[in-house]
């Protein structure tokens, strides 16, 4: 059965502000990485045309003594990698980027002109992007059933990386011994991969000479309600206040009243009358504030959705004329939600809120021919049970359900604080995928990650750079929760907080002819200069 908005309604709301260039965002769990590679390709030569893929055969199972991987495997599989030797001079290091929870092709811009290119050029090194098992083309099993995902752990992937560094012979460079026993390997990673390379340095110090974790989420947290704290603190005040007030009004109806008629009016007013579950509905209401992570200093990489969302809901000028007809129901909703006294300013903002949601989420759903539940529901057991090799979405959820957590709830926000997302978004709701896709009914084993030190992680020649405004900062070494910080910023163990930055902003770079007086911005230039400086100092210690 398919449902779409009535044609007249859909046509009415497809109209948008003349200046708007909004696009529909992908609705998904807020992953650690946002894929901006397609935006880079628009401006530069597609890096996948510059760097051909290669594979190294690595063991499926590195730990035959650990029962969690039983039944064990003696098999091998192809781990994909890409490299650039254009900067290489004999004696230079290997600068390896761990690609983390994504197809490694999406990391190639960093090999082309980002942090890998910057460091390789400065050190006469070989730049490498190494894919993580169970992503891209690097699959060790024939399907992605829960049983076959047992080999998807951070520990197995770390062992892959060690094996790679100790066995690789780069095509065209066969005359050189570039394994980790012969030349220094410096690992870089951003986000999940930022924590990953920190663990590499600690676990395998004889293989990885140094490591740089950017926005490295070194503390695994099951209930990660803090994801939205940097947004609340650093976001535009008008936008944040409106989001909080509207979310509070919605929650007052969904959670504070036993009034099915008012809930129905709420959903109808937000043009989602056929979203069955209240938590699914509330999740879509929070789509705008979830775009913060897509911000970037590079205009070609920056996702404008958060700025556009905020500009829409921070004005009392009605931007979507078709929403005027919703004014009476919006007044009723605000009154029921406890905001009747603020209706004069909030009504036009809610009109724009509805218009923006329609433009980015609801109308595209109607155009696709899908029902609203098909577009927006997380309650979809039949979907989660699909596990053939094409269901590549399963990889990262399996990792966060088993070891990492990071479920972004609204229910756990302190009671004396208005949340930015609905309190209907509970651990029960956010872990639906864990139960329905993998039959996992207990919290992730975050101790498997936090045993490396969490906020207190440190090691010789291990650097951490974090973004001041990153929604993942509460899981990084610069987390406000980690104060008083025990780290000191030294050449041996750099500890750098990048002013105004969001998520691993130092990973991006520009070609020389793309730079201006303001691009990269000063904090990014300084971060790059610091990275070049301390890596050069580290390499002087190589014997």
Protein backbone atom coordinates (compact mmCIF):
# COMPACT_ATOMS: atom_id res chain seq x y z
CA UNK A 1 0.00 0.00 0.00
CA UNK A 2 1.35 3.40 -0.92
CA UNK A 3 0.38 6.80 0.37
CA UNK A 4 1.32 10.28 -0.72
CA UNK A 5 0.13 13.71 0.24
CA UNK A 6 -2.90 14.84 -1.75
CA UNK A 7 -1.68 16.34 -5.02
CA UNK A 8 -3.06 19.77 -4.27
CA UNK A 9 -1.37 19.91 -0.89
CA UNK A 10 1.91 18.59 -2.24
CA UNK A 11 1.93 21.12 -5.09
CA UNK A 12 1.08 23.92 -2.70
CA UNK A 13 3.98 23.19 -0.39
CA UNK A 14 6.57 22.51 -3.07
CA UNK A 15 6.87 26.26 -3.47
CA UNK A 16 9.97 27.53 -1.69
CA UNK A 17 11.63 30.86 -0.94
CA UNK A 18 13.20 32.26 -4.08
CA UNK A 19 16.64 32.35 -2.53
CA UNK A 20 16.52 28.79 -1.27
CA UNK A 21 18.75 26.12 -2.75
CA UNK A 22 17.77 23.48 -0.23
CA UNK A 23 18.23 19.83 -0.98
CA UNK A 24 16.80 16.89 0.84
CA UNK A 25 19.22 15.54 3.45
CA UNK A 26 19.68 11.83 3.89
CA UNK A 27 17.74 10.86 6.97
CA UNK A 28 19.88 8.57 9.04
CA UNK A 29 21.46 8.08 12.42
CA UNK A 30 24.04 10.84 12.81
CA UNK A 31 27.16 8.98 11.69
CA UNK A 32 30.58 10.03 12.81
CA UNK A 33 31.51 10.96 9.27
CA UNK A 34 29.53 13.03 6.81
CA UNK A 35 30.39 12.16 3.21
CA UNK A 36 31.36 15.38 1.48
CA UNK A 37 33.40 13.75 -1.29
CA UNK A 38 30.77 14.29 -3.96
CA UNK A 39 30.88 18.02 -3.32
CA UNK A 40 34.65 18.06 -3.71
CA UNK A 41 34.39 16.26 -7.03
CA UNK A 42 32.28 19.09 -8.41
CA UNK A 43 35.24 21.46 -8.07
CA UNK A 44 38.30 19.24 -8.53
CA UNK A 45 39.37 16.32 -10.66
CA UNK A 46 37.66 13.21 -9.34
CA UNK A 47 40.41 11.69 -7.17
CA UNK A 48 39.18 8.17 -7.94
CA UNK A 49 40.51 8.79 -11.46
CA UNK A 50 43.94 9.63 -10.07
CA UNK A 51 44.46 6.81 -7.61
CA UNK A 52 43.68 3.26 -8.77
CA UNK A 53 42.55 0.75 -6.15
CA UNK A 54 44.84 -2.02 -4.92
CA UNK A 55 44.34 -4.93 -2.55
CA UNK A 56 46.40 -6.80 0.01
CA UNK A 57 45.25 -10.21 1.21
CA UNK A 58 44.89 -10.23 4.99
CA UNK A 59 43.57 -12.79 7.51
CA UNK A 60 39.85 -12.91 8.21
CA UNK A 61 40.52 -13.87 11.82
CA UNK A 62 43.59 -12.66 13.70
CA UNK A 63 42.54 -14.05 17.08
CA UNK A 64 42.06 -17.79 17.08
CA UNK A 65 42.29 -17.94 20.86
CA UNK A 66 39.28 -15.70 21.44
CA UNK A 67 35.91 -17.46 21.67
CA UNK A 68 33.91 -14.45 20.48
CA UNK A 69 35.12 -15.19 16.94
CA UNK A 70 34.15 -18.86 16.99
CA UNK A 71 33.78 -20.63 14.66
CA UNK A 72 37.17 -19.35 13.58
CA UNK A 73 38.37 -18.83 10.04
CA UNK A 74 41.69 -19.58 8.38
CA UNK A 75 40.66 -17.60 5.31
CA UNK A 76 42.10 -14.45 3.78
CA UNK A 77 40.31 -11.52 2.16
CA UNK A 78 41.22 -8.49 0.07
CA UNK A 79 41.72 -5.28 2.02
CA UNK A 80 41.57 -2.35 -0.38
CA UNK A 81 43.95 0.58 -0.35
CA UNK A 82 44.98 3.58 -2.43
CA UNK A 83 48.32 5.38 -2.44
CA UNK A 84 50.12 8.39 -3.86
CA UNK A 85 53.91 8.30 -4.31
CA UNK A 86 54.19 11.64 -6.11
CA UNK A 87 55.86 13.24 -3.06
CA UNK A 88 58.06 10.28 -2.22
CA UNK A 89 61.82 10.44 -1.92
CA UNK A 90 63.88 7.54 -0.57
CA UNK A 91 63.97 7.63 3.19
CA UNK A 92 60.57 9.29 3.45
CA UNK A 93 57.85 7.94 5.77
CA UNK A 94 54.47 6.42 5.05
CA UNK A 95 51.55 8.67 5.97
CA UNK A 96 48.56 6.38 6.34
CA UNK A 97 44.97 7.54 6.66
CA UNK A 98 42.60 5.06 8.28
CA UNK A 99 39.37 5.41 6.37
CA UNK A 100 37.09 4.32 9.19
CA UNK A 101 33.41 3.59 8.77
CA UNK A 102 33.05 4.43 5.09
CA UNK A 103 34.04 3.45 1.58
CA UNK A 104 37.70 4.45 1.23
CA UNK A 105 36.94 6.15 -2.09
CA UNK A 106 35.26 8.87 -0.07
CA UNK A 107 38.56 9.58 1.70
CA UNK A 108 40.55 10.14 -1.50
CA UNK A 109 40.21 13.95 -1.40
CA UNK A 110 42.46 13.86 1.67
CA UNK A 111 45.07 12.01 -0.39
CA UNK A 112 44.64 14.49 -3.23
CA UNK A 113 44.96 17.73 -1.28
CA UNK A 114 43.95 17.17 2.34
CA UNK A 115 45.94 16.22 5.38
CA UNK A 116 47.62 13.18 3.80
CA UNK A 117 48.84 15.27 0.87
CA UNK A 118 49.99 18.03 3.23
CA UNK A 119 52.02 15.70 5.42
CA UNK A 120 53.38 13.58 2.56
CA UNK A 121 54.55 16.70 0.71
CA UNK A 122 56.22 18.07 3.82
CA UNK A 123 58.02 14.82 4.66
CA UNK A 124 58.72 13.33 1.18
CA UNK A 125 56.43 10.50 2.15
CA UNK A 126 54.06 8.02 0.53
CA UNK A 127 50.43 8.81 1.20
CA UNK A 128 48.06 5.89 1.79
CA UNK A 129 44.32 5.52 2.36
CA UNK A 130 43.50 2.13 3.87
CA UNK A 131 39.98 0.75 3.91
CA UNK A 132 38.42 -0.75 7.03
CA UNK A 133 37.11 -4.31 6.91
CA UNK A 134 33.36 -4.57 6.10
CA UNK A 135 33.32 -1.25 4.21
CA UNK A 136 33.74 -0.33 0.56
CA UNK A 137 34.89 -3.53 -1.16
CA UNK A 138 36.77 -5.01 1.82
CA UNK A 139 34.36 -7.71 2.92
CA UNK A 140 35.69 -10.93 4.47
CA UNK A 141 32.35 -12.78 4.34
CA UNK A 142 29.77 -13.64 1.69
CA UNK A 143 26.90 -11.95 3.50
CA UNK A 144 26.28 -9.57 6.39
CA UNK A 145 24.33 -11.86 8.65
CA UNK A 146 24.82 -11.31 12.36
CA UNK A 147 26.85 -14.52 12.51
CA UNK A 148 29.17 -13.35 9.76
CA UNK A 149 29.55 -9.93 11.31
CA UNK A 150 31.32 -11.51 14.28
CA UNK A 151 34.63 -10.62 12.62
CA UNK A 152 33.67 -6.94 12.56
CA UNK A 153 35.35 -5.58 15.67
CA UNK A 154 37.73 -2.71 16.15
CA UNK A 155 40.36 -5.18 17.37
CA UNK A 156 40.24 -7.23 14.15
CA UNK A 157 40.46 -4.06 12.05
CA UNK A 158 43.42 -2.81 14.08
CA UNK A 159 45.17 -6.13 13.48
CA UNK A 160 44.42 -5.78 9.75
CA UNK A 161 46.17 -2.44 9.77
CA UNK A 162 49.23 -3.81 11.56
CA UNK A 163 49.42 -6.72 9.10
CA UNK A 164 49.16 -4.28 6.19
CA UNK A 165 51.98 -2.07 7.47
CA UNK A 166 54.22 -5.09 7.99
CA UNK A 167 53.57 -6.80 4.63
CA UNK A 168 52.78 -4.17 2.01
CA UNK A 169 54.82 -3.80 -1.18
CA UNK A 170 53.52 -0.82 -3.13
CA UNK A 171 53.17 -1.41 -6.89
CA UNK A 172 55.86 0.52 -8.74
CA UNK A 173 57.92 0.89 -5.58
CA UNK A 174 59.03 -2.72 -5.31
CA UNK A 175 62.70 -1.69 -5.05
CA UNK A 176 62.00 0.04 -1.73
CA UNK A 177 61.24 -1.61 1.58
CA UNK A 178 58.40 0.57 2.82
CA UNK A 179 57.13 -1.72 5.53
CA UNK A 180 56.94 -0.46 9.10
CA UNK A 181 60.18 -2.22 10.01
CA UNK A 182 62.11 -0.12 7.51
CA UNK A 183 60.50 3.34 7.51
CA UNK A 184 58.40 5.27 9.99
CA UNK A 185 54.63 4.95 9.63
CA UNK A 186 52.50 7.83 10.87
CA UNK A 187 48.78 7.07 11.07
CA UNK A 188 46.06 9.70 10.78
CA UNK A 189 42.34 9.30 11.36
CA UNK A 190 39.30 11.47 11.85
CA UNK A 191 36.36 10.69 14.14
CA UNK A 192 36.00 6.91 14.69
CA UNK A 193 39.22 6.55 12.73
CA UNK A 194 40.79 9.19 15.00
CA UNK A 195 40.26 6.94 18.01
CA UNK A 196 41.26 3.96 15.88
CA UNK A 197 44.73 5.31 15.07
CA UNK A 198 45.26 6.26 18.71
CA UNK A 199 44.60 2.63 19.61
CA UNK A 200 47.02 1.57 16.86
CA UNK A 201 49.79 3.60 18.43
CA UNK A 202 49.13 2.12 21.88
CA UNK A 203 48.64 -1.50 20.79
CA UNK A 204 51.34 -1.66 18.14
CA UNK A 205 53.99 0.95 18.99
CA UNK A 206 56.66 -1.05 17.20
CA UNK A 207 54.70 -0.82 13.96
CA UNK A 208 53.23 2.69 14.06
CA UNK A 209 55.83 5.31 14.85
CA UNK A 210 53.28 8.06 15.47
CA UNK A 211 49.57 8.78 15.20
CA UNK A 212 47.26 11.77 14.88
CA UNK A 213 43.67 11.50 16.05
CA UNK A 214 41.42 14.28 14.80
CA UNK A 215 38.05 14.48 16.55
CA UNK A 216 38.95 11.03 17.83
CA UNK A 217 36.02 9.63 19.80
CA UNK A 218 38.18 7.89 22.36
CA UNK A 219 35.40 7.44 24.92
CA UNK A 220 32.61 5.09 23.86
CA UNK A 221 29.30 6.19 25.37
CA UNK A 222 26.11 4.12 25.12
CA UNK A 223 23.63 6.95 25.85
CA UNK A 224 25.18 9.87 23.98
CA UNK A 225 22.64 12.59 24.69
CA UNK A 226 25.56 15.06 24.76
CA UNK A 227 25.79 15.01 20.96
CA UNK A 228 23.62 18.13 20.81
CA UNK A 229 25.34 20.00 23.64
CA UNK A 230 27.89 21.80 21.40
CA UNK A 231 25.02 22.72 19.08
CA UNK A 232 23.10 24.19 22.01
CA UNK A 233 26.14 26.10 23.27
CA UNK A 234 27.58 27.37 19.98
CA UNK A 235 24.55 27.51 17.68
CA UNK A 236 22.78 30.79 16.78
CA UNK A 237 20.82 31.79 19.92
CA UNK A 238 17.56 32.61 18.11
CA UNK A 239 17.62 29.32 16.24
CA UNK A 240 18.46 27.32 19.34
CA UNK A 241 15.75 28.98 21.44
CA UNK A 242 13.10 28.43 18.76
CA UNK A 243 14.12 24.79 18.33
CA UNK A 244 13.98 24.22 22.07
CA UNK A 245 10.60 25.90 22.45
CA UNK A 246 8.99 24.07 19.54
CA UNK A 247 10.47 20.75 20.69
CA UNK A 248 9.18 21.39 24.20
CA UNK A 249 5.70 22.20 22.90
CA UNK A 250 5.69 19.03 20.80
CA UNK A 251 6.84 16.93 23.76
CA UNK A 252 4.21 18.48 26.00
CA UNK A 253 1.60 17.09 23.61
CA UNK A 254 3.23 13.73 22.88
CA UNK A 255 4.34 12.99 26.44
CA UNK A 256 2.43 15.32 28.71
CA UNK A 257 -1.12 14.77 27.53
CA UNK A 258 -3.33 11.77 26.86
CA UNK A 259 -5.07 13.49 23.97
CA UNK A 260 -5.11 11.48 20.75
CA UNK A 261 -7.03 14.22 18.94
CA UNK A 262 -4.34 16.79 19.75
CA UNK A 263 -1.58 14.37 18.66
CA UNK A 264 -3.43 13.86 15.38
CA UNK A 265 -3.72 17.63 14.93
CA UNK A 266 -0.02 18.02 15.66
CA UNK A 267 0.96 15.49 12.99
CA UNK A 268 -1.49 16.93 10.46
CA UNK A 269 -0.18 20.44 11.05
CA UNK A 270 3.36 19.28 10.40
CA UNK A 271 2.08 17.55 7.24
CA UNK A 272 2.85 14.08 8.60
CA UNK A 273 -0.61 12.70 9.42
CA UNK A 274 0.33 9.20 8.33
CA UNK A 275 3.46 8.70 10.40
CA UNK A 276 2.22 6.02 12.73
CA UNK A 277 4.66 6.20 15.61
CA UNK A 278 5.07 9.32 17.70
CA UNK A 279 8.81 8.80 18.11
CA UNK A 280 9.28 8.57 14.34
CA UNK A 281 7.34 11.79 13.94
CA UNK A 282 9.40 13.52 16.61
CA UNK A 283 12.61 12.29 15.01
CA UNK A 284 11.76 14.06 11.75
CA UNK A 285 10.88 17.23 13.66
CA UNK A 286 14.54 17.27 14.77
CA UNK A 287 15.98 16.91 11.27
CA UNK A 288 17.12 20.53 11.02
CA UNK A 289 19.22 20.75 14.14
CA UNK A 290 20.88 17.48 13.18
CA UNK A 291 22.59 19.19 10.23
CA UNK A 292 25.18 20.96 12.42
CA UNK A 293 27.82 18.29 11.79
CA UNK A 294 27.76 19.01 8.05
CA UNK A 295 29.31 22.45 8.52
CA UNK A 296 32.82 22.93 7.11
CA UNK A 297 35.26 25.77 6.63
CA UNK A 298 35.65 24.94 2.92
CA UNK A 299 32.66 26.39 1.02
CA UNK A 300 32.85 23.57 -1.53
CA UNK A 301 32.50 21.00 1.25
CA UNK A 302 30.19 22.84 3.63
CA UNK A 303 26.61 21.61 3.84
CA UNK A 304 24.37 24.71 4.01
CA UNK A 305 21.36 22.93 5.50
CA UNK A 306 21.91 23.93 9.11
CA UNK A 307 22.34 27.61 8.22
CA UNK A 308 19.27 27.49 6.00
CA UNK A 309 17.23 25.75 8.68
CA UNK A 310 18.22 28.36 11.24
CA UNK A 311 17.55 31.30 8.94
CA UNK A 312 14.08 29.85 8.26
CA UNK A 313 13.03 29.44 11.88
CA UNK A 314 14.69 32.58 13.26
CA UNK A 315 12.54 35.07 11.36
CA UNK A 316 8.96 36.17 11.88
CA UNK A 317 8.62 36.82 8.17
CA UNK A 318 6.56 34.04 6.63
CA UNK A 319 8.74 32.45 3.95
CA UNK A 320 6.26 29.85 2.71
CA UNK A 321 2.92 31.52 1.82
CA UNK A 322 1.13 28.16 1.72
CA UNK A 323 1.70 27.72 5.46
CA UNK A 324 -0.55 30.68 6.30
CA UNK A 325 -3.52 28.30 6.26
CA UNK A 326 -1.92 26.41 9.15
CA UNK A 327 -2.00 29.41 11.49
CA UNK A 328 -5.12 28.39 13.47
CA UNK A 329 -3.87 24.87 14.12
CA UNK A 330 -0.40 26.13 15.01
CA UNK A 331 -1.97 28.43 17.61
CA UNK A 332 -3.86 25.47 19.09
CA UNK A 333 -0.70 23.39 19.22
CA UNK A 334 1.30 26.13 20.91
CA UNK A 335 -1.45 26.68 23.45
CA UNK A 336 -1.67 22.96 24.20
CA UNK A 337 2.10 22.86 24.47
CA UNK A 338 2.24 25.71 26.98
CA UNK A 339 3.37 28.51 24.66
CA UNK A 340 0.20 30.52 24.12
CA UNK A 341 1.90 33.60 25.57
CA UNK A 342 4.63 33.40 22.89
CA UNK A 343 2.31 32.70 19.98
CA UNK A 344 2.82 36.08 18.31
CA UNK A 345 6.49 35.36 17.66
CA UNK A 346 6.39 31.57 17.47
CA UNK A 347 3.47 31.10 15.02
CA UNK A 348 5.34 32.49 11.97
CA UNK A 349 8.46 30.62 12.99
CA UNK A 350 6.55 27.35 13.21
CA UNK A 351 5.08 28.12 9.79
CA UNK A 352 8.59 28.35 8.44
CA UNK A 353 9.56 25.26 10.42
CA UNK A 354 6.81 23.30 8.68
CA UNK A 355 7.70 24.79 5.31
CA UNK A 356 11.36 23.84 5.71
CA UNK A 357 10.54 20.30 6.81
CA UNK A 358 8.19 19.91 3.87
CA UNK A 359 10.78 21.18 1.42
CA UNK A 360 13.57 18.93 2.69
CA UNK A 361 11.72 15.85 3.92
CA UNK A 362 7.98 15.58 3.38
CA UNK A 363 7.42 16.67 -0.23
CA UNK A 364 10.36 14.55 -1.48
CA UNK A 365 8.78 11.57 0.27
CA UNK A 366 5.47 12.24 -1.46
CA UNK A 367 7.21 12.60 -4.81
CA UNK A 368 8.96 9.25 -4.32
CA UNK A 369 5.64 7.44 -4.12
CA UNK A 370 6.44 5.99 -0.72
CA UNK A 371 4.20 6.09 2.31
CA UNK A 372 5.21 8.36 5.14
CA UNK A 373 6.01 5.34 7.29
CA UNK A 374 8.17 3.93 4.51
CA UNK A 375 10.09 7.19 4.40
CA UNK A 376 10.35 7.99 8.06
CA UNK A 377 9.80 4.98 10.30
CA UNK A 378 12.49 3.30 12.33
CA UNK A 379 9.99 0.57 13.27
CA UNK A 380 10.76 -1.68 10.32
CA UNK A 381 11.76 -5.17 11.41
CA UNK A 382 11.42 -6.64 7.91
CA UNK A 383 13.98 -4.18 6.54
CA UNK A 384 16.42 -4.80 9.36
CA UNK A 385 16.31 -8.55 8.73
CA UNK A 386 17.83 -8.17 5.26
CA UNK A 387 21.45 -9.24 5.46
CA UNK A 388 22.79 -10.07 2.01
CA UNK A 389 26.11 -8.56 0.94
CA UNK A 390 24.41 -5.52 -0.60
CA UNK A 391 23.06 -4.41 2.80
CA UNK A 392 26.20 -2.43 3.57
CA UNK A 393 24.28 -0.14 5.94
CA UNK A 394 24.60 -2.94 8.51
CA UNK A 395 28.31 -2.48 9.18
CA UNK A 396 28.45 0.69 11.27
CA UNK A 397 25.25 -0.02 13.24
CA UNK A 398 26.70 -3.39 14.15
CA UNK A 399 29.80 -1.64 15.46
CA UNK A 400 27.93 0.89 17.52
CA UNK A 401 25.44 -1.67 18.79
CA UNK A 402 28.21 -4.05 19.93
CA UNK A 403 31.05 -1.81 21.12
CA UNK A 404 30.72 1.92 20.57
CA UNK A 405 27.22 3.09 21.49
CA UNK A 406 26.68 6.78 20.70
CA UNK A 407 22.88 6.51 20.66
CA UNK A 408 21.70 10.11 20.48
CA UNK A 409 18.77 10.46 22.84
CA UNK A 410 16.60 13.37 23.86
CA UNK A 411 15.19 11.60 26.90
CA UNK A 412 18.43 11.80 28.87
CA UNK A 413 18.91 15.56 28.58
CA UNK A 414 18.88 16.98 32.15
CA UNK A 415 15.37 17.80 33.33
CA UNK A 416 16.31 21.42 34.03
CA UNK A 417 17.29 21.93 30.38
CA UNK A 418 15.16 22.15 27.25
CA UNK A 419 16.40 19.59 24.72
CA UNK A 420 16.98 20.25 21.02
CA UNK A 421 15.45 16.91 20.06
CA UNK A 422 12.38 15.24 21.48
CA UNK A 423 12.40 13.35 24.74
CA UNK A 424 10.44 10.61 22.94
CA UNK A 425 13.80 9.68 21.42
CA UNK A 426 14.77 7.22 24.13
CA UNK A 427 17.37 4.47 24.37
CA UNK A 428 14.56 2.03 23.63
CA UNK A 429 13.81 3.83 20.38
CA UNK A 430 17.39 4.50 19.31
CA UNK A 431 18.38 0.87 19.92
CA UNK A 432 15.56 -0.58 17.81
CA UNK A 433 18.08 -1.28 15.07
CA UNK A 434 20.28 -3.23 17.52
CA UNK A 435 17.42 -5.53 18.47
CA UNK A 436 15.74 -5.91 15.09
CA UNK A 437 18.84 -6.12 12.89
CA UNK A 438 21.20 -8.07 15.15
CA UNK A 439 19.08 -9.46 18.02
CA UNK A 440 21.21 -7.50 20.48
CA UNK A 441 19.22 -6.70 23.61
CA UNK A 442 21.92 -5.39 25.94
CA UNK A 443 24.00 -2.20 25.79
CA UNK A 444 27.21 -2.14 23.79
CA UNK A 445 30.36 -3.40 25.48
CA UNK A 446 31.93 0.04 25.69
CA UNK A 447 34.62 -1.33 28.00
CA UNK A 448 36.16 -2.97 24.93
CA UNK A 449 36.91 0.57 23.72
CA UNK A 450 37.37 2.52 26.92
CA UNK A 451 40.08 0.13 28.19
CA UNK A 452 42.54 2.19 26.14
CA UNK A 453 42.13 5.11 28.53
CA UNK A 454 39.08 7.02 27.25
CA UNK A 455 39.56 10.70 28.17
CA UNK A 456 42.94 9.95 29.74
CA UNK A 457 44.43 8.16 26.74
CA UNK A 458 48.01 9.22 26.00
CA UNK A 459 51.20 7.87 24.48
CA UNK A 460 54.56 8.98 23.17
CA UNK A 461 54.15 10.53 19.67
CA UNK A 462 50.35 10.52 19.84
CA UNK A 463 48.56 13.75 18.89
CA UNK A 464 44.97 14.83 19.42
CA UNK A 465 43.22 17.66 17.60
CA UNK A 466 39.56 18.42 18.28
CA UNK A 467 37.01 20.93 17.08
CA UNK A 468 35.79 23.42 19.65
CA UNK A 469 32.19 23.20 18.34
CA UNK A 470 32.16 19.53 17.33
CA UNK A 471 29.05 17.56 18.39
CA UNK A 472 31.46 14.66 19.01
CA UNK A 473 33.69 16.70 21.31
CA UNK A 474 32.00 15.24 24.44
CA UNK A 475 33.49 11.87 23.39
CA UNK A 476 36.96 13.32 22.67
CA UNK A 477 39.91 14.14 24.92
CA UNK A 478 38.89 17.82 24.86
CA UNK A 479 35.46 17.01 26.28
CA UNK A 480 34.31 19.55 28.87
CA UNK A 481 33.36 16.49 30.93
CA UNK A 482 37.04 15.50 31.00
CA UNK A 483 38.18 18.67 32.79
CA UNK A 484 40.52 19.25 34.44
CA UNK A 485 42.42 18.08 31.39
CA UNK A 486 45.49 16.04 32.22
CA UNK A 487 46.99 16.47 28.75
CA UNK A 488 49.50 19.20 27.96
CA UNK A 489 50.22 20.45 24.46
CA UNK A 490 53.76 19.34 23.69
CA UNK A 491 55.64 18.41 20.54
CA UNK A 492 55.70 14.81 21.67
CA UNK A 493 52.00 14.68 22.61
CA UNK A 494 50.19 17.54 20.87
CA UNK A 495 46.84 18.50 22.39
CA UNK A 496 45.14 21.09 20.18
CA UNK A 497 41.61 22.48 20.30
CA UNK A 498 40.78 24.17 16.98
CA UNK A 499 38.83 27.37 17.56
CA UNK A 500 35.41 27.45 15.89
CA UNK A 501 35.89 24.06 14.24
CA UNK A 502 33.35 21.28 13.99
CA UNK A 503 34.23 17.70 12.93
CA UNK A 504 37.88 16.90 12.00
CA UNK A 505 38.17 20.14 10.02
CA UNK A 506 41.94 19.81 9.75
CA UNK A 507 41.47 16.78 7.46
CA UNK A 508 40.43 19.05 4.58
CA UNK A 509 42.87 21.07 2.50
CA UNK A 510 43.10 23.23 -0.61
CA UNK A 511 45.39 23.35 -3.60
CA UNK A 512 47.75 26.32 -3.53
CA UNK A 513 45.80 28.11 -6.27
CA UNK A 514 42.58 27.78 -4.25
CA UNK A 515 43.84 29.51 -1.14
CA UNK A 516 42.82 33.07 -0.29
CA UNK A 517 43.44 35.44 2.59
CA UNK A 518 40.60 33.80 4.48
CA UNK A 519 40.78 30.22 3.16
CA UNK A 520 41.84 28.13 4.89
CA UNK A 521 40.82 30.17 7.95
CA UNK A 522 43.53 30.99 10.45
CA UNK A 523 42.73 28.19 12.95
CA UNK A 524 42.96 25.58 10.17
CA UNK A 525 46.20 27.02 8.78
CA UNK A 526 47.66 26.94 12.27
CA UNK A 527 46.51 23.36 12.79
CA UNK A 528 48.12 22.26 9.52
CA UNK A 529 51.34 24.08 10.38
CA UNK A 530 51.38 22.45 13.80
CA UNK A 531 50.86 18.99 12.30
CA UNK A 532 53.67 19.46 9.81
CA UNK A 533 55.90 20.73 12.60
CA UNK A 534 55.39 18.01 15.13
CA UNK A 535 55.47 15.20 12.54
CA UNK A 536 58.81 16.56 11.29
CA UNK A 537 60.08 16.60 14.87
CA UNK A 538 58.88 13.03 15.42
CA UNK A 539 60.67 11.80 12.29
CA UNK A 540 63.96 13.10 13.63
CA UNK A 541 63.65 10.49 16.36
CA UNK A 542 63.54 7.60 13.87
CA UNK A 543 66.54 5.32 14.14
